[in-house]
Amino acid sequence: MYKVLYRKYRPRVFADVVGQPQVTVTLKNELTRGRISHAYLFTGSRGTGKTTCARILSRAVNCLNPVVGDPCGECEVCKGLEEGSMLDVVEIDAASNNGVESVRSIVEESVFTPANTKYRVYIIDEVHMLSNAAFNALLKTLEEPPAHVIFILATTEVHKLMPTILSRCQRFDFHRIAPEPMAERLGQVAELEGAELEPDAALLIARVSDGALRDALSLLDQCLGRERHITLDIVCDTAGLASREYLGQLAEAVAARDSAAALEIIDRLHRDSKDLSRLCVELAEYFRGLMLCKIMKDPGALLQSVGEERRELQRLSGSMGLGTVLHSLDVLEGTLNKLRLGNQRTQFEMALVRLCSPQLDSTPESLVRRIEALESGIALQPPREPVVVKGASFTDTGPTEPIPAEAVLEPVQAPEEPPAPEQASPAPPAKKPTSDPSLEELIANAQRFPAWPDILRQLDAGSKSMAMSFEGSSAYISGEYMLIDAPEIAFELLKRSDQRARLREAITRVTGRPYKLGPYRKPQAKAQEDPMDELVRRAKESGVPVVEE
């Protein structure tokens, strides 16, 4: 009968266990020094070697000729335990034997000495599944077992164990296995099987397995059923993964805000029977790589990618802002929960449309992304025509020359009113000044405008990003002018005609009249006059002779 790879190549000694030196080195040292505990607790995620280490430990404590803490594998005890002919090592699945009666039978059997070995070993897998009554029945024996009994408890959910159980065991935590050592082990197994495994394919298997070597060996076994030369494409097809090329194309569509291209890619992947839930996970992982490239100078092992894929990530990260990457991660993580409840394709397509059209999303992350685009000069709408402003020329990409302090935005003319009926002796209309007052004169006569928050609320209803750019601002009225004291990003927005029209509309709604717009510059305090200069001036005015040095 065919034996699957994870059973065929199960480690026989501690040195063969991959990625758990904090466990194997400690156990070997304790066995070498004869410091054998009566109860062990192995905890960690699935496929990391808990049951394997428990079996190695059970053979090592009973081996007739141990080799530096490892079982020799040649004596009759090692062979008998390996073949299952000796009954002094008992493995119990707590998921199916979780009642108090099963534990009571263990307690009753533990009194008897082992028949062929030195220790009677009880390996209880998934121990967190035991009932409270079963735990209570085990407590006393677990605390003070007979000298010939060793308990090895294994669990993936240590938080479900009672504190009284934890305090009676020597605990060992198994970590998720890193991709690099796992890929190396997969290459060794493939070589022993007479197959060829490409390094990139081995790394992808390790990454998909999420730190579980058993899962990785199962996927490798499945790939070997298709080809003896395993490439990256074979792994993707076997595991139902999207090619990394498709992930890059989706990320580029998000960066370019091309919804149509993103939907075409999703349709192609759906027709190829790709699992959209897995695709969502992979795309989130891809954007995580972009985030690491944006934040860290050298992501190193955190990026979990090599060669051309890493270069593509670094290239694409340069064309996307951090706000875009974080917004994409937030949307994809939220979509994962929705995929379990609704139509997967529709939910995933909606997520990509929101990523490609941030103006359709009202979440804070989307607003940050849009503000980031404004700050970096990336227009969210098609470019507008240049706007001519008194004293300076403005375009969507910024001023063509420095803005002088006297620059005042040109007003929007109020609608013309029909002429009033002629009277008998109409008063001659007063002539308007031919030139606008200077900015200093306007600021000197300006008065604070208390209804400015109402105008900002009007802006918030129409454009949250614009309202946020005016955060902490204030306004002043000086004749026909409204002078605005705001951050520089607000004036960058006002260079665009559509944004100025939006602000004027909000002002008209609140005040009932149009205003000319201009910047407010706080007047600088005059330098304090030297008292000695004042004294000299008065002396000269009174005719007193003054000798100046």
Protein backbone atom coordinates (compact mmCIF):
# COMPACT_ATOMS: atom_id res chain seq x y z
CA MET A 1 0.00 0.00 0.00
CA TYR A 2 1.28 3.48 -0.90
CA LYS A 3 2.49 5.52 2.07
CA VAL A 4 1.97 9.26 1.88
CA LEU A 5 5.03 11.49 2.15
CA TYR A 6 4.36 13.02 5.57
CA ARG A 7 4.15 9.49 7.05
CA LYS A 8 6.97 8.04 4.98
CA TYR A 9 9.43 10.78 5.95
CA ARG A 10 8.30 11.38 9.53
CA PRO A 11 11.41 12.23 11.64
CA ARG A 12 12.90 9.37 13.67
CA VAL A 13 15.29 11.46 15.79
CA PHE A 14 15.20 15.02 17.15
CA ALA A 15 17.77 16.21 14.60
CA ASP A 16 15.32 15.49 11.75
CA VAL A 17 12.62 17.81 13.21
CA VAL A 18 12.55 20.99 11.10
CA GLY A 19 12.35 24.48 12.58
CA GLN A 20 11.88 23.66 16.30
CA PRO A 21 15.34 23.97 17.93
CA GLN A 22 13.85 25.51 21.09
CA VAL A 23 12.11 22.16 21.69
CA THR A 24 14.48 19.52 20.35
CA VAL A 25 17.68 20.90 21.92
CA THR A 26 16.05 21.22 25.34
CA LEU A 27 14.60 17.71 25.25
CA LYS A 28 17.90 16.17 24.16
CA ASN A 29 19.78 17.95 26.97
CA GLU A 30 17.23 16.80 29.58
CA LEU A 31 17.38 13.21 28.37
CA THR A 32 21.19 13.23 28.31
CA ARG A 33 21.31 14.49 31.92
CA GLY A 34 18.56 12.15 33.11
CA ARG A 35 16.16 14.97 33.99
CA ILE A 36 12.94 13.37 32.79
CA SER A 37 9.71 15.13 33.78
CA HIS A 38 6.52 13.26 34.62
CA ALA A 39 4.30 15.47 32.39
CA TYR A 40 4.96 17.42 29.18
CA LEU A 41 2.70 19.82 27.30
CA PHE A 42 3.34 20.39 23.58
CA THR A 43 1.41 23.32 22.12
CA GLY A 44 1.43 25.01 18.71
CA SER A 45 -0.35 25.24 15.37
CA ARG A 46 -1.09 22.19 13.24
CA GLY A 47 1.63 20.34 11.36
CA THR A 48 4.56 21.75 13.34
CA GLY A 49 5.79 18.46 14.90
CA LYS A 50 4.01 18.05 18.24
CA THR A 51 2.96 14.42 17.81
CA THR A 52 6.24 13.58 16.08
CA CYS A 53 8.30 14.90 19.00
CA ALA A 54 6.03 13.07 21.45
CA ARG A 55 6.72 9.77 19.67
CA ILE A 56 10.47 10.42 19.54
CA LEU A 57 10.45 11.27 23.25
CA SER A 58 8.50 8.11 24.11
CA ARG A 59 11.11 5.99 22.29
CA ALA A 60 14.08 7.93 23.69
CA VAL A 61 13.09 7.42 27.36
CA ASN A 62 12.71 3.65 26.76
CA CYS A 63 15.64 3.08 24.35
CA LEU A 64 18.17 0.51 25.52
CA ASN A 65 21.08 2.28 23.77
CA PRO A 66 20.26 6.04 23.51
CA VAL A 67 22.57 8.19 21.38
CA VAL A 68 23.02 11.66 22.93
CA GLY A 69 19.35 11.88 23.83
CA ASP A 70 18.08 10.30 20.59
CA PRO A 71 16.65 6.76 20.27
CA CYS A 72 19.02 4.40 18.52
CA GLY A 73 16.34 2.87 16.31
CA GLU A 74 18.08 -0.50 16.36
CA CYS A 75 17.24 -2.07 19.72
CA GLU A 76 14.21 -4.30 20.18
CA VAL A 77 12.35 -1.62 22.15
CA CYS A 78 12.79 1.02 19.42
CA LYS A 79 11.73 -1.44 16.72
CA GLY A 80 8.79 -2.72 18.76
CA LEU A 81 7.51 0.81 19.46
CA GLU A 82 8.03 1.78 15.83
CA GLU A 83 6.06 -1.24 14.59
CA GLY A 84 3.38 -0.90 17.29
CA SER A 85 3.92 -4.37 18.77
CA MET A 86 4.61 -3.02 22.29
CA LEU A 87 1.63 -1.65 24.18
CA ASP A 88 3.47 0.36 26.83
CA VAL A 89 3.17 3.55 24.77
CA VAL A 90 -0.48 4.52 24.35
CA GLU A 91 -1.75 7.26 22.01
CA ILE A 92 -5.21 8.62 22.80
CA ASP A 93 -7.28 11.00 20.67
CA ALA A 94 -9.05 13.24 23.16
CA ALA A 95 -11.47 14.41 20.48
CA SER A 96 -13.14 10.98 20.42
CA ASN A 97 -12.27 9.89 23.98
CA ASN A 98 -13.14 12.99 25.93
CA GLY A 99 -15.37 11.51 28.62
CA VAL A 100 -14.54 10.89 32.24
CA GLU A 101 -14.69 7.10 31.77
CA SER A 102 -11.80 7.18 29.28
CA VAL A 103 -9.64 9.09 31.74
CA ARG A 104 -10.56 6.79 34.63
CA SER A 105 -9.38 3.80 32.60
CA ILE A 106 -6.03 5.56 32.06
CA VAL A 107 -5.71 6.23 35.79
CA GLU A 108 -6.47 2.61 36.63
CA GLU A 109 -3.96 1.26 34.04
CA SER A 110 -1.18 3.63 35.17
CA VAL A 111 -0.85 1.72 38.43
CA PHE A 112 0.56 -1.35 36.66
CA THR A 113 4.23 -1.45 35.69
CA PRO A 114 5.12 -1.61 31.99
CA ALA A 115 5.57 -5.07 30.48
CA ASN A 116 8.55 -4.53 28.15
CA THR A 117 9.82 -0.97 28.68
CA LYS A 118 11.07 1.25 31.46
CA TYR A 119 8.25 3.81 31.26
CA ARG A 120 4.58 3.61 30.42
CA VAL A 121 3.92 6.68 28.23
CA TYR A 122 0.49 8.19 27.55
CA ILE A 123 0.30 10.56 24.57
CA ILE A 124 -3.01 12.47 24.69
CA ASP A 125 -3.55 14.41 21.45
CA GLU A 126 -5.92 17.40 21.26
CA VAL A 127 -6.14 17.37 25.04
CA HIS A 128 -8.20 20.56 25.10
CA MET A 129 -11.19 18.47 23.95
CA LEU A 130 -11.45 16.70 27.33
CA SER A 131 -14.48 17.59 29.41
CA ASN A 132 -14.16 19.35 32.76
CA ALA A 133 -15.01 16.12 34.57
CA ALA A 134 -12.29 14.28 32.66
CA PHE A 135 -9.75 16.99 33.52
CA ASN A 136 -10.66 16.80 37.19
CA ALA A 137 -10.29 13.00 37.15
CA LEU A 138 -6.81 13.38 35.63
CA LEU A 139 -5.53 16.11 37.96
CA LYS A 140 -4.32 14.03 40.89
CA THR A 141 -2.60 11.41 38.74
CA LEU A 142 -1.06 14.11 36.56
CA GLU A 143 0.40 15.86 39.62
CA GLU A 144 1.81 12.75 41.35
CA PRO A 145 1.90 9.87 38.86
CA PRO A 146 3.65 6.56 39.56
CA ALA A 147 7.41 6.64 38.94
CA HIS A 148 7.05 4.57 35.76
CA VAL A 149 4.42 6.80 34.06
CA ILE A 150 4.97 9.81 31.75
CA PHE A 151 2.18 11.94 30.32
CA ILE A 152 2.67 13.88 27.05
CA LEU A 153 -0.21 16.23 26.27
CA ALA A 154 -0.52 17.89 22.83
CA THR A 155 -2.92 20.67 21.82
CA THR A 156 -3.43 23.39 19.25
CA GLU A 157 -5.56 25.53 21.59
CA VAL A 158 -3.67 25.89 24.85
CA HIS A 159 -5.92 28.74 26.01
CA LYS A 160 -8.73 26.21 26.55
CA LEU A 161 -6.77 24.24 29.15
CA MET A 162 -7.43 24.68 32.84
CA PRO A 163 -4.74 26.55 34.82
CA THR A 164 -4.44 23.56 37.13
CA ILE A 165 -3.38 21.43 34.14
CA LEU A 166 -0.87 24.00 32.89
CA SER A 167 0.80 24.30 36.28
CA ARG A 168 1.48 20.54 36.43
CA CYS A 169 3.21 20.23 33.03
CA GLN A 170 6.50 21.24 31.49
CA ARG A 171 5.38 23.36 28.55
CA PHE A 172 7.02 23.51 25.09
CA ASP A 173 5.75 25.92 22.42
CA PHE A 174 6.09 24.87 18.78
CA HIS A 175 6.46 27.75 16.30
CA ARG A 176 5.27 28.00 12.72
CA ILE A 177 8.09 26.78 10.48
CA ALA A 178 9.75 29.51 8.40
CA PRO A 179 9.44 29.17 4.59
CA GLU A 180 13.19 28.83 3.92
CA PRO A 181 13.92 25.73 6.07
CA MET A 182 10.63 24.20 4.98
CA ALA A 183 11.50 24.70 1.31
CA GLU A 184 14.90 23.10 1.96
CA ARG A 185 13.21 20.06 3.53
CA LEU A 186 10.80 19.79 0.58
CA GLY A 187 13.75 19.76 -1.80
CA GLN A 188 15.35 16.91 0.15
CA VAL A 189 12.15 14.86 0.06
CA ALA A 190 11.71 15.48 -3.68
CA GLU A 191 15.29 14.35 -4.29
CA LEU A 192 14.71 11.16 -2.27
CA GLU A 193 11.62 10.51 -4.41
CA GLY A 194 13.66 10.90 -7.60
CA ALA A 195 11.84 14.11 -8.61
CA GLU A 196 13.00 17.67 -9.35
CA LEU A 197 11.54 20.58 -7.41
CA GLU A 198 12.36 24.12 -8.52
CA PRO A 199 13.37 26.50 -5.68
CA ASP A 200 10.61 29.01 -6.44
CA ALA A 201 8.02 26.21 -6.47
CA ALA A 202 9.31 24.88 -3.12
CA LEU A 203 9.09 28.37 -1.61
CA LEU A 204 5.54 28.80 -2.88
CA ILE A 205 4.48 25.46 -1.34
CA ALA A 206 6.04 26.55 1.96
CA ARG A 207 4.28 29.91 1.85
CA VAL A 208 0.88 28.38 1.07
CA SER A 209 1.28 25.85 3.92
CA ASP A 210 1.40 28.67 6.51
CA GLY A 211 4.14 27.12 8.62
CA ALA A 212 2.76 23.55 8.64
CA LEU A 213 5.24 21.05 7.22
CA ARG A 214 2.61 18.29 7.09
CA ASP A 215 0.45 20.45 4.80
CA ALA A 216 3.48 21.22 2.65
CA LEU A 217 4.35 17.53 2.22
CA SER A 218 0.73 16.74 1.34
CA LEU A 219 0.75 19.42 -1.38
CA LEU A 220 4.11 18.15 -2.66
CA ASP A 221 2.68 14.64 -2.77
CA GLN A 222 -0.22 15.92 -4.87
CA CYS A 223 2.14 17.74 -7.26
CA LEU A 224 4.24 14.59 -7.70
CA GLY A 225 1.08 12.84 -8.84
CA ARG A 226 1.02 15.18 -11.86
CA GLU A 227 4.67 15.69 -12.84
CA ARG A 228 8.11 14.58 -11.74
CA HIS A 229 9.50 18.03 -12.57
CA ILE A 230 7.58 20.47 -10.40
CA THR A 231 7.50 24.10 -11.52
CA LEU A 232 5.79 27.20 -10.18
CA ASP A 233 2.87 26.81 -12.62
CA ILE A 234 2.25 23.20 -11.53
CA VAL A 235 2.07 24.28 -7.88
CA CYS A 236 -0.35 27.09 -8.76
CA ASP A 237 -2.60 24.76 -10.77
CA THR A 238 -2.52 22.00 -8.13
CA ALA A 239 -3.27 24.30 -5.21
CA GLY A 240 -5.79 26.40 -7.15
CA LEU A 241 -3.69 29.52 -6.77
CA ALA A 242 -3.67 32.56 -8.99
CA SER A 243 -0.43 33.20 -10.82
CA ARG A 244 1.69 35.93 -9.30
CA GLU A 245 1.45 37.65 -12.69
CA TYR A 246 -2.31 38.04 -12.25
CA LEU A 247 -1.79 39.53 -8.78
CA GLY A 248 0.60 42.12 -10.20
CA GLN A 249 -1.89 43.00 -12.92
CA LEU A 250 -4.67 43.48 -10.36
CA ALA A 251 -2.44 45.69 -8.24
CA GLU A 252 -1.51 47.78 -11.29
CA ALA A 253 -5.21 48.17 -12.15
CA VAL A 254 -5.83 49.50 -8.65
CA ALA A 255 -2.88 51.91 -8.96
CA ALA A 256 -4.18 53.13 -12.36
CA ARG A 257 -7.81 53.22 -11.14
CA ASP A 258 -8.82 51.04 -14.10
CA SER A 259 -11.97 49.20 -12.99
CA ALA A 260 -12.58 47.64 -16.40
CA ALA A 261 -9.14 45.99 -16.48
CA ALA A 262 -9.60 44.63 -12.95
CA LEU A 263 -13.00 43.11 -13.80
CA GLU A 264 -11.60 41.49 -16.95
CA ILE A 265 -8.83 39.82 -14.93
CA ILE A 266 -11.33 38.55 -12.35
CA ASP A 267 -13.52 37.15 -15.15
CA ARG A 268 -10.56 35.33 -16.67
CA LEU A 269 -9.58 33.83 -13.31
CA HIS A 270 -13.18 32.83 -12.56
CA ARG A 271 -13.45 31.03 -15.88
CA ASP A 272 -10.25 29.17 -14.98
CA SER A 273 -12.05 27.91 -11.83
CA LYS A 274 -9.86 29.88 -9.42
CA ASP A 275 -11.14 30.04 -5.86
CA LEU A 276 -12.04 33.70 -5.29
CA SER A 277 -11.64 33.37 -1.52
CA ARG A 278 -8.09 32.15 -1.99
CA LEU A 279 -7.53 34.86 -4.61
CA CYS A 280 -8.64 37.50 -2.10
CA VAL A 281 -6.19 36.11 0.47
CA GLU A 282 -3.35 36.11 -2.07
CA LEU A 283 -4.12 39.65 -3.21
CA ALA A 284 -4.14 40.83 0.41
CA GLU A 285 -0.76 39.12 0.87
CA TYR A 286 0.50 40.87 -2.28
CA PHE A 287 -0.55 44.27 -0.92
CA ARG A 288 1.10 43.36 2.38
CA GLY A 289 4.31 42.93 0.40
CA LEU A 290 3.78 46.38 -1.13
CA MET A 291 3.29 47.80 2.37
CA LEU A 292 6.55 46.27 3.56
CA CYS A 293 8.38 47.66 0.52
CA LYS A 294 6.96 51.13 1.24
CA ILE A 295 7.84 51.12 4.94
CA MET A 296 11.06 49.12 5.19
CA LYS A 297 14.33 49.76 3.40
CA ASP A 298 15.07 46.03 3.24
CA PRO A 299 12.01 43.82 3.94
CA GLY A 300 14.22 40.72 3.83
CA ALA A 301 12.55 37.53 5.04
CA LEU A 302 9.30 39.36 5.86
CA LEU A 303 8.56 39.73 2.15
CA GLN A 304 8.62 35.96 1.50
CA SER A 305 9.38 36.43 -2.19
CA VAL A 306 12.47 36.09 -4.34
CA GLY A 307 13.88 37.02 -7.71
CA GLU A 308 11.65 38.66 -10.29
CA GLU A 309 8.63 38.74 -7.98
CA ARG A 310 10.51 40.82 -5.40
CA ARG A 311 11.76 43.24 -8.06
CA GLU A 312 8.21 43.62 -9.39
CA LEU A 313 6.91 44.38 -5.89
CA GLN A 314 9.56 47.02 -5.33
CA ARG A 315 8.84 48.60 -8.73
CA LEU A 316 5.10 48.73 -8.16
CA SER A 317 5.47 50.06 -4.60
CA GLY A 318 7.19 53.13 -6.03
CA SER A 319 4.10 54.04 -8.06
CA MET A 320 1.57 53.64 -5.22
CA GLY A 321 1.11 55.72 -2.09
CA LEU A 322 1.02 54.17 1.35
CA GLY A 323 -2.57 55.37 1.77
CA THR A 324 -3.59 53.42 -1.33
CA VAL A 325 -1.90 50.26 -0.06
CA LEU A 326 -3.49 50.50 3.41
CA HIS A 327 -6.92 51.25 1.94
CA SER A 328 -6.59 48.19 -0.32
CA LEU A 329 -5.62 45.97 2.61
CA ASP A 330 -8.55 47.22 4.66
CA VAL A 331 -11.06 46.60 1.85
CA LEU A 332 -9.69 43.13 1.07
CA GLU A 333 -9.73 42.04 4.72
CA GLY A 334 -13.34 43.18 5.02
CA THR A 335 -14.25 41.39 1.79
CA LEU A 336 -12.93 38.08 3.17
CA ASN A 337 -15.72 38.04 5.75
CA LYS A 338 -18.36 38.94 3.15
CA LEU A 339 -17.27 36.16 0.78
CA ARG A 340 -18.49 33.54 3.26
CA LEU A 341 -22.01 34.95 3.29
CA GLY A 342 -22.81 36.30 -0.18
CA ASN A 343 -22.08 35.75 -3.85
CA GLN A 344 -18.30 35.46 -3.99
CA ARG A 345 -17.80 36.86 -7.46
CA THR A 346 -20.07 39.86 -6.89
CA GLN A 347 -18.49 40.71 -3.55
CA PHE A 348 -14.96 40.46 -4.93
CA GLU A 349 -15.83 42.56 -8.00
CA MET A 350 -17.42 45.22 -5.78
CA ALA A 351 -14.26 45.33 -3.69
CA LEU A 352 -12.05 45.89 -6.75
CA VAL A 353 -14.38 48.59 -8.10
CA ARG A 354 -14.16 50.43 -4.76
CA LEU A 355 -10.38 50.16 -4.83
CA CYS A 356 -10.21 51.50 -8.38
CA SER A 357 -12.73 54.29 -7.64
CA PRO A 358 -11.93 55.66 -4.15
CA GLN A 359 -14.50 58.44 -4.58
CA LEU A 360 -17.20 55.75 -4.24
CA ASP A 361 -15.92 54.75 -0.80
CA SER A 362 -16.69 56.94 2.23
CA THR A 363 -14.50 55.10 4.74
CA PRO A 364 -11.74 57.05 6.55
CA GLU A 365 -9.08 54.98 4.78
CA SER A 366 -10.47 56.02 1.39
CA LEU A 367 -10.50 59.71 2.42
CA VAL A 368 -6.88 59.48 3.55
CA ARG A 369 -6.02 57.94 0.19
CA ARG A 370 -7.74 60.74 -1.71
CA ILE A 371 -6.08 63.44 0.39
CA GLU A 372 -2.73 61.72 -0.16
CA ALA A 373 -3.36 61.84 -3.90
CA LEU A 374 -4.11 65.58 -3.67
CA GLU A 375 -0.96 66.23 -1.66
CA SER A 376 1.19 64.33 -4.15
CA GLY A 377 -0.32 66.19 -7.10
CA ILE A 378 -2.18 63.22 -8.56
CA ALA A 379 -5.52 64.49 -9.83
CA LEU A 380 -8.50 62.32 -9.03
CA GLN A 381 -10.34 63.90 -11.97
CA PRO A 382 -9.23 64.83 -15.51
CA PRO A 383 -6.91 67.88 -15.54
CA ARG A 384 -8.64 71.27 -15.59
CA GLU A 385 -7.67 74.24 -17.66
CA PRO A 386 -5.14 76.65 -16.12
CA VAL A 387 -6.66 79.25 -13.80
CA VAL A 388 -5.35 82.79 -13.99
CA VAL A 389 -5.11 84.52 -10.64
CA LYS A 390 -4.18 88.07 -9.96
CA GLY A 391 -0.48 88.19 -9.24
CA ALA A 392 0.26 84.53 -10.06
CA SER A 393 -0.62 81.76 -12.51
CA PHE A 394 -2.05 78.51 -11.14
CA THR A 395 -2.48 75.10 -12.76
CA ASP A 396 -3.53 71.71 -11.43
CA THR A 397 0.10 70.79 -10.85
CA GLY A 398 0.98 73.92 -8.86
CA PRO A 399 1.90 77.58 -9.30
CA THR A 400 4.18 78.49 -12.17
CA GLU A 401 5.88 81.07 -9.96
CA PRO A 402 5.95 81.88 -6.22
CA ILE A 403 2.71 83.32 -4.84
CA PRO A 404 3.16 86.95 -3.77
CA ALA A 405 1.53 88.06 -0.53
CA GLU A 406 -0.77 90.41 -2.45
CA ALA A 407 -2.19 87.64 -4.66
CA VAL A 408 -5.98 87.61 -4.43
CA LEU A 409 -8.14 85.02 -6.18
CA GLU A 410 -10.25 86.57 -8.91
CA PRO A 411 -13.93 86.82 -7.95
CA VAL A 412 -16.85 85.15 -9.62
CA GLN A 413 -19.12 87.85 -10.95
CA ALA A 414 -22.53 87.98 -9.31
CA PRO A 415 -25.48 87.51 -11.65
CA GLU A 416 -26.60 90.75 -13.24
CA GLU A 417 -29.80 92.19 -11.86
CA PRO A 418 -32.38 93.85 -14.13
CA PRO A 419 -32.12 97.66 -14.12
CA ALA A 420 -34.47 99.45 -11.76
CA PRO A 421 -37.27 101.57 -13.30
CA GLU A 422 -36.20 105.11 -14.14
CA GLN A 423 -37.17 107.79 -11.65
CA ALA A 424 -37.64 111.47 -12.14
CA SER A 425 -34.31 112.53 -10.72
CA PRO A 426 -32.06 109.55 -10.32
CA ALA A 427 -29.02 110.13 -8.19
CA PRO A 428 -25.78 109.76 -10.09
CA PRO A 429 -24.23 106.36 -9.29
CA ALA A 430 -21.07 106.45 -7.29
CA LYS A 431 -18.02 105.53 -9.26
CA LYS A 432 -16.36 102.30 -8.24
CA PRO A 433 -12.65 102.34 -7.66
CA THR A 434 -10.74 101.30 -10.69
CA SER A 435 -8.39 99.07 -8.70
CA ASP A 436 -8.88 96.60 -5.89
CA PRO A 437 -7.53 97.48 -2.44
CA SER A 438 -4.22 95.98 -1.42
CA LEU A 439 -4.07 92.87 0.73
CA GLU A 440 -2.61 94.86 3.64
CA GLU A 441 -5.60 97.22 3.59
CA LEU A 442 -8.06 94.32 3.50
CA ILE A 443 -6.36 92.56 6.42
CA ALA A 444 -6.22 95.78 8.44
CA ASN A 445 -10.02 96.18 8.17
CA ALA A 446 -10.89 92.48 8.42
CA GLN A 447 -13.27 91.13 11.03
CA ARG A 448 -13.59 87.49 12.05
CA PHE A 449 -16.45 85.63 10.33
CA PRO A 450 -18.27 83.54 13.01
CA ALA A 451 -20.36 81.45 10.56
CA TRP A 452 -17.31 79.82 8.94
CA PRO A 453 -18.04 76.41 10.62
CA ASP A 454 -21.45 76.41 8.90
CA ILE A 455 -19.71 76.81 5.54
CA LEU A 456 -17.38 73.89 6.37
CA ARG A 457 -20.41 71.73 7.16
CA GLN A 458 -21.81 72.58 3.74
CA LEU A 459 -18.49 71.52 2.21
CA ASP A 460 -18.46 68.29 4.22
CA ALA A 461 -21.83 67.31 2.76
CA GLY A 462 -20.51 67.67 -0.79
CA SER A 463 -16.82 66.76 -0.52
CA LYS A 464 -15.37 65.29 2.66
CA SER A 465 -11.79 65.47 1.37
CA MET A 466 -12.10 69.21 0.71
CA ALA A 467 -13.68 69.83 4.12
CA MET A 468 -10.84 67.90 5.78
CA SER A 469 -8.25 70.07 4.01
CA PHE A 470 -9.82 73.16 5.70
CA GLU A 471 -9.60 71.60 9.17
CA GLY A 472 -8.50 74.20 11.75
CA SER A 473 -9.10 77.10 9.37
CA SER A 474 -10.90 80.41 9.96
CA ALA A 475 -12.26 83.26 7.82
CA TYR A 476 -12.45 87.05 7.97
CA ILE A 477 -14.74 89.57 6.23
CA SER A 478 -13.35 92.77 4.77
CA GLY A 479 -15.82 94.59 2.56
CA GLU A 480 -16.60 92.43 -0.45
CA TYR A 481 -13.78 90.02 0.35
CA MET A 482 -13.71 86.87 2.45
CA LEU A 483 -10.12 86.21 3.56
CA ILE A 484 -9.34 82.62 4.49
CA ASP A 485 -6.69 81.51 7.01
CA ALA A 486 -6.12 77.81 6.17
CA PRO A 487 -3.33 75.24 5.64
CA GLU A 488 -1.43 75.28 2.38
CA ILE A 489 -3.24 72.16 1.09
CA ALA A 490 -6.51 74.14 1.10
CA PHE A 491 -5.05 76.79 -1.20
CA GLU A 492 -3.72 74.01 -3.45
CA LEU A 493 -7.32 72.84 -3.82
CA LEU A 494 -8.57 76.37 -4.53
CA LYS A 495 -6.29 76.57 -7.55
CA ARG A 496 -8.85 74.37 -9.31
CA SER A 497 -11.91 76.07 -10.69
CA ASP A 498 -14.33 73.33 -9.64
CA GLN A 499 -13.15 73.49 -6.02
CA ARG A 500 -13.41 77.29 -5.93
CA ALA A 501 -16.94 77.07 -7.35
CA ARG A 502 -17.85 74.54 -4.65
CA LEU A 503 -16.56 76.86 -1.91
CA ARG A 504 -18.36 79.90 -3.36
CA GLU A 505 -21.58 77.91 -3.53
CA ALA A 506 -21.26 76.96 0.15
CA ILE A 507 -20.56 80.61 1.08
CA THR A 508 -23.60 81.81 -0.87
CA ARG A 509 -25.86 79.25 0.83
CA VAL A 510 -24.82 80.41 4.28
CA THR A 511 -24.45 84.18 3.76
CA GLY A 512 -26.92 84.76 0.92
CA ARG A 513 -24.41 86.80 -1.11
CA PRO A 514 -21.25 86.14 -3.14
CA TYR A 515 -17.83 87.13 -1.83
CA LYS A 516 -14.48 87.63 -3.45
CA LEU A 517 -11.90 85.20 -2.07
CA GLY A 518 -8.43 85.91 -0.82
CA PRO A 519 -5.77 84.64 1.59
CA TYR A 520 -5.45 85.95 5.12
CA ARG A 521 -1.97 86.67 6.40
CA LYS A 522 -1.71 87.51 10.08
CA PRO A 523 -0.23 91.02 10.47
CA GLN A 524 3.25 91.06 11.95
CA ALA A 525 3.72 92.96 15.19
CA LYS A 526 5.79 96.12 14.87
CA ALA A 527 9.16 96.10 16.55
CA GLN A 528 9.10 97.90 19.89
CA GLU A 529 10.66 101.39 19.65
CA ASP A 530 13.79 102.05 21.68
CA PRO A 531 12.94 104.47 24.60
CA MET A 532 16.25 106.31 24.03
CA ASP A 533 15.27 107.12 20.46
CA GLU A 534 11.99 108.60 21.71
CA LEU A 535 13.86 110.74 24.26
CA VAL A 536 16.26 112.07 21.61
CA ARG A 537 13.36 112.89 19.28
CA ARG A 538 11.56 114.91 21.96
CA ALA A 539 14.73 116.77 22.90
CA LYS A 540 15.31 117.83 19.30
CA GLU A 541 11.71 119.02 18.99
CA SER A 542 12.12 121.22 22.13
CA GLY A 543 15.41 122.77 20.86
CA VAL A 544 17.71 121.14 23.40
CA PRO A 545 21.13 120.50 21.84
CA VAL A 546 21.89 116.82 21.54
CA VAL A 547 25.35 115.36 21.02
CA GLU A 548 25.17 112.11 19.03
CA GLU A 549 28.03 109.61 19.11
